[in-house]
């Protein structure tokens, strides 16, 4: 017996429903097992001894993942948010005068400011009375 793509079974299995989705994929036994969607992770099964539905688990609020993610630690804060969901720290909106990417806070350069929730250096703009390129240049 050959299992559908992205699934597996124990040796000498005799039915398509013995096939369970591999990690990074989700679905019912014997299904086509699509890749895990963005914003979620698919850890697979604890054991493949008994076929079961392979879950797709949503990431915490304010986080996302790339396609095919397999663990909670793959969930990273979306742009404009800071925190470490894998470390137990929820993702919160970044404060003013900083920008945040992948949960990491980076301050704007001196004499530059940004609104809360900024996700890129170019969102740091000159404060009144100062001039220069947005983001503070290289």
N, C-alpha and C. Protein backbone atom coordinates (compact mmCIF):
# COMPACT_ATOMS: atom_id res chain seq x y z
N UNK A 1 0.85 -1.18 0.00
CA UNK A 1 0.00 0.00 0.00
C UNK A 1 0.89 1.24 0.00
N UNK A 2 0.58 2.16 -0.89
CA UNK A 2 1.30 3.43 -0.93
C UNK A 2 0.39 4.52 -0.38
N UNK A 3 0.90 5.25 0.60
CA UNK A 3 0.13 6.33 1.22
C UNK A 3 0.08 7.55 0.29
N UNK A 4 -0.95 8.39 0.44
CA UNK A 4 -1.00 9.65 -0.32
C UNK A 4 0.21 10.52 0.04
N UNK A 5 0.47 11.52 -0.80
CA UNK A 5 1.59 12.44 -0.55
C UNK A 5 1.50 13.03 0.85
N UNK A 6 2.64 13.23 1.48
CA UNK A 6 2.77 13.87 2.79
C UNK A 6 2.12 13.09 3.91
N UNK A 7 2.05 11.77 3.77
CA UNK A 7 1.52 10.93 4.84
C UNK A 7 2.36 9.66 4.93
N UNK A 8 2.14 8.90 6.00
CA UNK A 8 2.91 7.69 6.25
C UNK A 8 2.09 6.70 7.05
N UNK A 9 2.52 5.45 7.02
CA UNK A 9 1.86 4.41 7.81
C UNK A 9 2.93 3.45 8.31
N UNK A 10 2.52 2.59 9.21
CA UNK A 10 3.42 1.55 9.69
C UNK A 10 3.65 0.52 8.58
N UNK A 11 4.80 -0.19 8.61
CA UNK A 11 5.03 -1.24 7.62
C UNK A 11 3.89 -2.27 7.65
N UNK A 12 3.57 -2.81 6.51
CA UNK A 12 2.55 -3.85 6.33
C UNK A 12 1.12 -3.36 6.62
N UNK A 13 0.91 -2.05 6.58
CA UNK A 13 -0.45 -1.54 6.74
C UNK A 13 -1.26 -1.94 5.52
N UNK A 14 -2.54 -2.18 5.71
CA UNK A 14 -3.32 -2.71 4.62
C UNK A 14 -4.42 -1.80 4.09
N UNK A 15 -4.65 -0.66 4.71
CA UNK A 15 -5.75 0.20 4.26
C UNK A 15 -5.25 1.63 4.14
N UNK A 16 -5.84 2.36 3.20
CA UNK A 16 -5.47 3.76 3.01
C UNK A 16 -5.70 4.57 4.28
N UNK A 17 -6.68 4.18 5.08
CA UNK A 17 -6.97 4.91 6.32
C UNK A 17 -5.93 4.63 7.41
N UNK A 18 -4.95 3.76 7.14
CA UNK A 18 -3.82 3.57 8.06
C UNK A 18 -2.77 4.67 7.88
N UNK A 19 -2.92 5.49 6.85
CA UNK A 19 -1.97 6.55 6.54
C UNK A 19 -2.33 7.82 7.30
N UNK A 20 -1.39 8.33 8.08
CA UNK A 20 -1.58 9.58 8.84
C UNK A 20 -0.66 10.65 8.28
N UNK A 21 -1.11 11.89 8.34
CA UNK A 21 -0.34 13.02 7.80
C UNK A 21 0.99 13.19 8.55
N UNK A 22 2.01 13.55 7.79
CA UNK A 22 3.35 13.80 8.34
C UNK A 22 3.38 15.16 9.03
N UNK A 23 4.42 15.40 9.86
CA UNK A 23 4.55 16.71 10.50
C UNK A 23 4.63 17.79 9.42
N UNK A 24 4.09 18.96 9.73
CA UNK A 24 4.05 20.06 8.77
C UNK A 24 2.85 19.98 7.84
N UNK A 25 2.02 18.95 8.02
CA UNK A 25 0.81 18.75 7.21
C UNK A 25 -0.34 18.39 8.15
N UNK A 26 -1.57 18.49 7.66
CA UNK A 26 -2.72 18.21 8.51
C UNK A 26 -3.79 17.48 7.71
N UNK A 27 -4.69 16.83 8.44
CA UNK A 27 -5.83 16.19 7.80
C UNK A 27 -6.16 14.84 8.39
N UNK A 28 -7.20 14.25 7.84
CA UNK A 28 -7.71 12.96 8.31
C UNK A 28 -6.88 11.81 7.74
N UNK A 29 -6.90 10.65 8.42
CA UNK A 29 -6.19 9.48 7.88
C UNK A 29 -6.64 9.17 6.46
N UNK A 30 -5.67 8.93 5.58
CA UNK A 30 -5.95 8.59 4.20
C UNK A 30 -6.20 9.78 3.30
N UNK A 31 -6.13 11.01 3.86
CA UNK A 31 -6.40 12.22 3.06
C UNK A 31 -5.14 12.67 2.33
N UNK A 32 -5.29 13.71 1.51
CA UNK A 32 -4.18 14.25 0.73
C UNK A 32 -3.17 15.01 1.58
N UNK A 33 -3.50 15.39 2.80
CA UNK A 33 -2.60 16.06 3.75
C UNK A 33 -1.97 17.34 3.20
N UNK A 34 -2.74 18.42 3.10
CA UNK A 34 -2.16 19.68 2.63
C UNK A 34 -1.15 20.23 3.63
N UNK A 35 -0.29 21.12 3.11
CA UNK A 35 0.75 21.73 3.96
C UNK A 35 0.08 22.64 5.00
N UNK A 36 0.69 22.73 6.16
CA UNK A 36 0.18 23.57 7.23
C UNK A 36 0.12 25.02 6.77
N UNK A 37 -0.97 25.70 7.09
CA UNK A 37 -1.21 27.06 6.62
C UNK A 37 -0.44 28.09 7.44
N UNK A 38 -0.27 29.29 6.84
CA UNK A 38 0.36 30.40 7.56
C UNK A 38 -0.46 30.72 8.81
N UNK A 39 0.21 31.13 9.88
CA UNK A 39 -0.48 31.48 11.11
C UNK A 39 -0.84 30.28 11.96
N UNK A 40 -0.28 29.12 11.64
CA UNK A 40 -0.56 27.90 12.40
C UNK A 40 0.65 26.97 12.34
N UNK A 41 0.59 25.90 13.12
CA UNK A 41 1.65 24.89 13.07
C UNK A 41 1.01 23.51 13.15
N UNK A 42 1.69 22.53 12.56
CA UNK A 42 1.17 21.16 12.48
C UNK A 42 2.22 20.21 13.05
N UNK A 43 2.08 19.86 14.34
CA UNK A 43 3.11 19.06 15.01
C UNK A 43 3.09 17.58 14.65
N UNK A 44 2.11 17.13 13.91
CA UNK A 44 2.02 15.69 13.63
C UNK A 44 1.44 14.97 14.83
N UNK A 45 1.58 13.67 14.81
CA UNK A 45 1.02 12.84 15.88
C UNK A 45 2.11 12.41 16.85
N UNK A 46 1.73 12.17 18.10
CA UNK A 46 2.69 11.68 19.09
C UNK A 46 3.18 10.29 18.71
N UNK A 47 2.32 9.53 18.08
CA UNK A 47 2.65 8.17 17.66
C UNK A 47 1.88 7.85 16.38
N UNK A 48 2.51 7.13 15.48
CA UNK A 48 1.84 6.73 14.25
C UNK A 48 1.34 5.28 14.34
N UNK A 49 1.33 4.72 15.58
CA UNK A 49 0.84 3.35 15.78
C UNK A 49 -0.65 3.24 15.47
N UNK A 50 -1.42 4.27 15.78
CA UNK A 50 -2.86 4.27 15.54
C UNK A 50 -3.19 5.48 14.67
N UNK A 51 -3.76 5.28 13.49
CA UNK A 51 -4.09 6.42 12.63
C UNK A 51 -5.05 7.38 13.33
N UNK A 52 -4.82 8.65 13.13
CA UNK A 52 -5.67 9.68 13.73
C UNK A 52 -5.56 10.94 12.89
N UNK A 53 -6.46 11.87 13.12
CA UNK A 53 -6.41 13.15 12.42
C UNK A 53 -5.19 13.94 12.90
N UNK A 54 -4.38 14.41 11.95
CA UNK A 54 -3.22 15.25 12.28
C UNK A 54 -3.72 16.68 12.42
N UNK A 55 -3.50 17.30 13.58
CA UNK A 55 -4.09 18.62 13.84
C UNK A 55 -3.34 19.78 13.18
N UNK A 56 -4.06 20.86 12.96
CA UNK A 56 -3.47 22.15 12.62
C UNK A 56 -3.84 23.08 13.77
N UNK A 57 -2.82 23.62 14.46
CA UNK A 57 -3.01 24.42 15.66
C UNK A 57 -2.73 25.89 15.33
N UNK A 58 -3.68 26.76 15.67
CA UNK A 58 -3.51 28.19 15.42
C UNK A 58 -2.47 28.80 16.35
N UNK A 59 -1.70 29.75 15.83
CA UNK A 59 -0.73 30.48 16.64
C UNK A 59 -1.45 31.47 17.56
N UNK A 60 -0.77 31.93 18.63
CA UNK A 60 -1.38 32.95 19.49
C UNK A 60 -1.65 34.25 18.72
N UNK A 61 -2.53 35.06 19.25
CA UNK A 61 -2.88 36.35 18.63
C UNK A 61 -1.62 37.19 18.40
N UNK A 62 -1.57 37.88 17.29
CA UNK A 62 -0.45 38.77 16.97
C UNK A 62 0.76 38.05 16.42
N UNK A 63 0.62 36.76 16.08
CA UNK A 63 1.75 36.00 15.55
C UNK A 63 1.39 35.35 14.22
N UNK A 64 2.41 34.89 13.52
CA UNK A 64 2.22 34.16 12.28
C UNK A 64 3.38 33.19 12.10
N UNK A 65 3.25 32.33 11.11
CA UNK A 65 4.28 31.35 10.76
C UNK A 65 4.37 31.25 9.25
N UNK A 66 5.48 30.70 8.75
CA UNK A 66 5.52 30.36 7.33
C UNK A 66 4.75 29.06 7.08
N UNK A 67 4.47 28.78 5.84
CA UNK A 67 3.81 27.52 5.47
C UNK A 67 4.62 26.33 5.99
N UNK A 68 3.95 25.29 6.42
CA UNK A 68 4.61 24.05 6.80
C UNK A 68 5.25 24.06 8.18
N UNK A 69 4.91 25.01 9.03
CA UNK A 69 5.51 25.08 10.37
C UNK A 69 5.05 23.91 11.23
N UNK A 70 5.93 23.51 12.17
CA UNK A 70 5.68 22.29 12.93
C UNK A 70 5.62 22.47 14.45
N UNK A 71 5.95 23.65 14.98
CA UNK A 71 5.96 23.80 16.45
C UNK A 71 5.58 25.22 16.85
N UNK A 72 5.15 25.35 18.10
CA UNK A 72 4.76 26.65 18.64
C UNK A 72 5.89 27.67 18.49
N UNK A 73 7.13 27.24 18.66
CA UNK A 73 8.26 28.19 18.57
C UNK A 73 8.42 28.76 17.17
N UNK A 74 7.72 28.19 16.16
CA UNK A 74 7.74 28.76 14.82
C UNK A 74 6.85 30.00 14.73
N UNK A 75 5.95 30.20 15.70
CA UNK A 75 5.06 31.37 15.72
C UNK A 75 5.86 32.59 16.15
N UNK A 76 5.95 33.59 15.29
CA UNK A 76 6.70 34.82 15.55
C UNK A 76 5.75 36.00 15.49
N UNK A 77 6.07 37.04 16.25
CA UNK A 77 5.25 38.25 16.24
C UNK A 77 5.19 38.83 14.83
N UNK A 78 4.00 39.31 14.45
CA UNK A 78 3.87 39.99 13.17
C UNK A 78 4.55 41.34 13.27
N UNK A 79 4.84 41.95 12.12
CA UNK A 79 5.48 43.26 12.10
C UNK A 79 4.70 44.28 12.91
N UNK A 80 5.41 45.10 13.67
CA UNK A 80 4.78 46.11 14.51
C UNK A 80 4.43 45.62 15.90
N UNK A 81 4.77 44.36 16.19
CA UNK A 81 4.51 43.77 17.51
C UNK A 81 5.81 43.27 18.12
N UNK A 82 5.88 43.30 19.45
CA UNK A 82 7.06 42.82 20.17
C UNK A 82 6.66 41.72 21.15
N UNK A 83 7.59 40.81 21.43
CA UNK A 83 7.33 39.74 22.37
C UNK A 83 7.99 38.45 21.91
N UNK A 84 7.79 37.41 22.69
CA UNK A 84 8.36 36.09 22.38
C UNK A 84 7.34 35.03 22.77
N UNK A 85 6.43 34.66 21.85
CA UNK A 85 5.40 33.69 22.22
C UNK A 85 5.97 32.36 22.68
N UNK A 86 7.07 31.91 22.11
CA UNK A 86 7.67 30.64 22.52
C UNK A 86 8.22 30.74 23.94
N UNK A 87 8.60 31.97 24.36
CA UNK A 87 9.11 32.18 25.71
C UNK A 87 8.02 32.56 26.70
N UNK A 88 6.77 32.49 26.26
CA UNK A 88 5.66 32.79 27.14
C UNK A 88 5.27 34.26 27.18
N UNK A 89 5.89 35.09 26.33
CA UNK A 89 5.58 36.52 26.30
C UNK A 89 4.66 36.80 25.12
N UNK A 90 3.47 37.29 25.40
CA UNK A 90 2.51 37.61 24.33
C UNK A 90 3.06 38.73 23.46
N UNK A 91 2.62 38.77 22.23
CA UNK A 91 3.01 39.84 21.31
C UNK A 91 2.10 41.03 21.56
N UNK A 92 2.70 42.18 21.81
CA UNK A 92 1.98 43.42 22.04
C UNK A 92 2.42 44.45 21.01
N UNK A 93 1.56 45.42 20.73
CA UNK A 93 1.89 46.48 19.79
C UNK A 93 3.12 47.22 20.27
N UNK A 94 4.06 47.48 19.37
CA UNK A 94 5.26 48.25 19.72
C UNK A 94 4.88 49.67 20.11
N UNK A 95 5.66 50.23 20.99
CA UNK A 95 5.43 51.59 21.43
C UNK A 95 5.91 52.61 20.41
N UNK A 96 5.81 53.89 20.75
CA UNK A 96 6.27 54.94 19.84
C UNK A 96 7.80 55.00 19.79
N UNK A 97 8.31 55.54 18.70
CA UNK A 97 9.74 55.83 18.51
C UNK A 97 10.60 54.58 18.39
N UNK A 98 9.98 53.46 18.06
CA UNK A 98 10.69 52.21 17.78
C UNK A 98 9.99 51.54 16.60
N UNK A 99 10.64 50.52 16.03
CA UNK A 99 9.98 49.66 15.05
C UNK A 99 10.30 48.22 15.43
N UNK A 100 9.36 47.33 15.12
CA UNK A 100 9.48 45.93 15.56
C UNK A 100 9.30 44.98 14.39
N UNK A 101 10.17 43.98 14.31
CA UNK A 101 10.09 42.94 13.31
C UNK A 101 10.48 41.62 13.96
N UNK A 102 9.68 40.58 13.78
CA UNK A 102 9.92 39.25 14.39
C UNK A 102 10.00 39.33 15.91
N UNK A 103 9.27 40.27 16.52
CA UNK A 103 9.24 40.40 17.97
C UNK A 103 10.38 41.20 18.55
N UNK A 104 11.31 41.65 17.72
CA UNK A 104 12.50 42.38 18.18
C UNK A 104 12.26 43.87 18.05
N UNK A 105 12.56 44.61 19.12
CA UNK A 105 12.38 46.07 19.16
C UNK A 105 13.68 46.76 18.77
N UNK A 106 13.58 47.69 17.82
CA UNK A 106 14.75 48.48 17.41
C UNK A 106 14.37 49.96 17.53
N UNK A 107 15.13 50.74 18.31
CA UNK A 107 14.78 52.16 18.45
C UNK A 107 15.09 52.95 17.17
N UNK A 108 14.30 54.00 16.95
CA UNK A 108 14.61 54.93 15.87
C UNK A 108 15.90 55.66 16.23
N UNK A 109 16.59 56.17 15.22
CA UNK A 109 17.81 56.94 15.48
C UNK A 109 17.45 58.25 16.18
N UNK A 110 18.46 58.91 16.73
CA UNK A 110 18.26 60.18 17.44
C UNK A 110 17.56 61.18 16.52
N UNK A 111 16.62 61.93 17.07
CA UNK A 111 15.85 62.97 16.37
C UNK A 111 14.87 62.42 15.34
N UNK A 112 14.56 61.13 15.44
CA UNK A 112 13.55 60.49 14.59
C UNK A 112 12.47 59.93 15.49
N UNK A 113 11.25 59.86 14.98
CA UNK A 113 10.12 59.33 15.75
C UNK A 113 9.28 58.43 14.85
N UNK A 114 8.55 57.51 15.48
CA UNK A 114 7.63 56.65 14.73
C UNK A 114 6.37 56.45 15.56
N UNK A 115 5.25 56.17 14.89
CA UNK A 115 4.01 55.91 15.62
C UNK A 115 4.03 54.50 16.23
N UNK A 116 3.19 54.26 17.24
CA UNK A 116 3.08 52.90 17.78
C UNK A 116 2.70 51.92 16.67
N UNK A 117 3.23 50.70 16.76
CA UNK A 117 2.91 49.66 15.79
C UNK A 117 3.75 49.72 14.52
N UNK A 118 4.84 50.49 14.52
CA UNK A 118 5.69 50.57 13.33
C UNK A 118 6.43 49.26 13.12
N UNK A 119 6.57 48.88 11.84
CA UNK A 119 7.19 47.58 11.53
C UNK A 119 8.43 47.70 10.64
N UNK A 120 8.84 48.93 10.31
CA UNK A 120 10.01 49.10 9.44
C UNK A 120 10.74 50.38 9.82
N UNK A 121 12.06 50.39 9.60
CA UNK A 121 12.89 51.54 9.91
C UNK A 121 12.41 52.79 9.16
N UNK A 122 11.90 52.61 7.95
CA UNK A 122 11.44 53.76 7.16
C UNK A 122 10.25 54.47 7.79
N UNK A 123 9.62 53.87 8.78
CA UNK A 123 8.53 54.53 9.48
C UNK A 123 9.05 55.51 10.53
N UNK A 124 10.35 55.51 10.77
CA UNK A 124 10.98 56.51 11.65
C UNK A 124 11.21 57.77 10.81
N UNK A 125 10.53 58.86 11.15
CA UNK A 125 10.62 60.10 10.39
C UNK A 125 11.21 61.19 11.28
N UNK A 126 11.77 62.20 10.65
CA UNK A 126 12.38 63.30 11.40
C UNK A 126 11.36 63.97 12.32
N UNK A 127 11.83 64.30 13.51
CA UNK A 127 11.01 65.08 14.43
C UNK A 127 10.93 66.51 13.88
N UNK A 128 9.91 67.27 14.30
CA UNK A 128 9.79 68.67 13.85
C UNK A 128 11.08 69.45 14.14
N UNK A 129 11.51 70.23 13.16
CA UNK A 129 12.72 71.03 13.31
C UNK A 129 13.98 70.32 12.82
N UNK A 130 13.86 69.07 12.39
CA UNK A 130 14.99 68.29 11.89
C UNK A 130 14.69 67.87 10.46
N UNK A 131 15.73 67.57 9.70
CA UNK A 131 15.50 67.09 8.33
C UNK A 131 16.49 65.96 8.04
N UNK A 132 16.09 65.12 7.10
CA UNK A 132 16.89 63.97 6.69
C UNK A 132 15.98 62.91 6.09
N UNK A 133 16.56 61.84 5.59
CA UNK A 133 15.74 60.81 4.96
C UNK A 133 14.98 60.00 6.02
N UNK A 134 13.75 59.58 5.67
CA UNK A 134 13.01 58.70 6.57
C UNK A 134 13.85 57.45 6.85
N UNK A 135 13.79 57.00 8.08
CA UNK A 135 14.58 55.85 8.49
C UNK A 135 15.95 56.22 9.01
N UNK A 136 16.37 57.46 8.81
CA UNK A 136 17.64 57.91 9.34
C UNK A 136 18.84 57.61 8.47
N UNK A 137 18.61 57.13 7.26
CA UNK A 137 19.74 56.81 6.37
C UNK A 137 20.42 55.53 6.79
N UNK A 138 21.53 55.23 6.14
CA UNK A 138 22.24 53.96 6.37
C UNK A 138 22.92 53.91 7.70
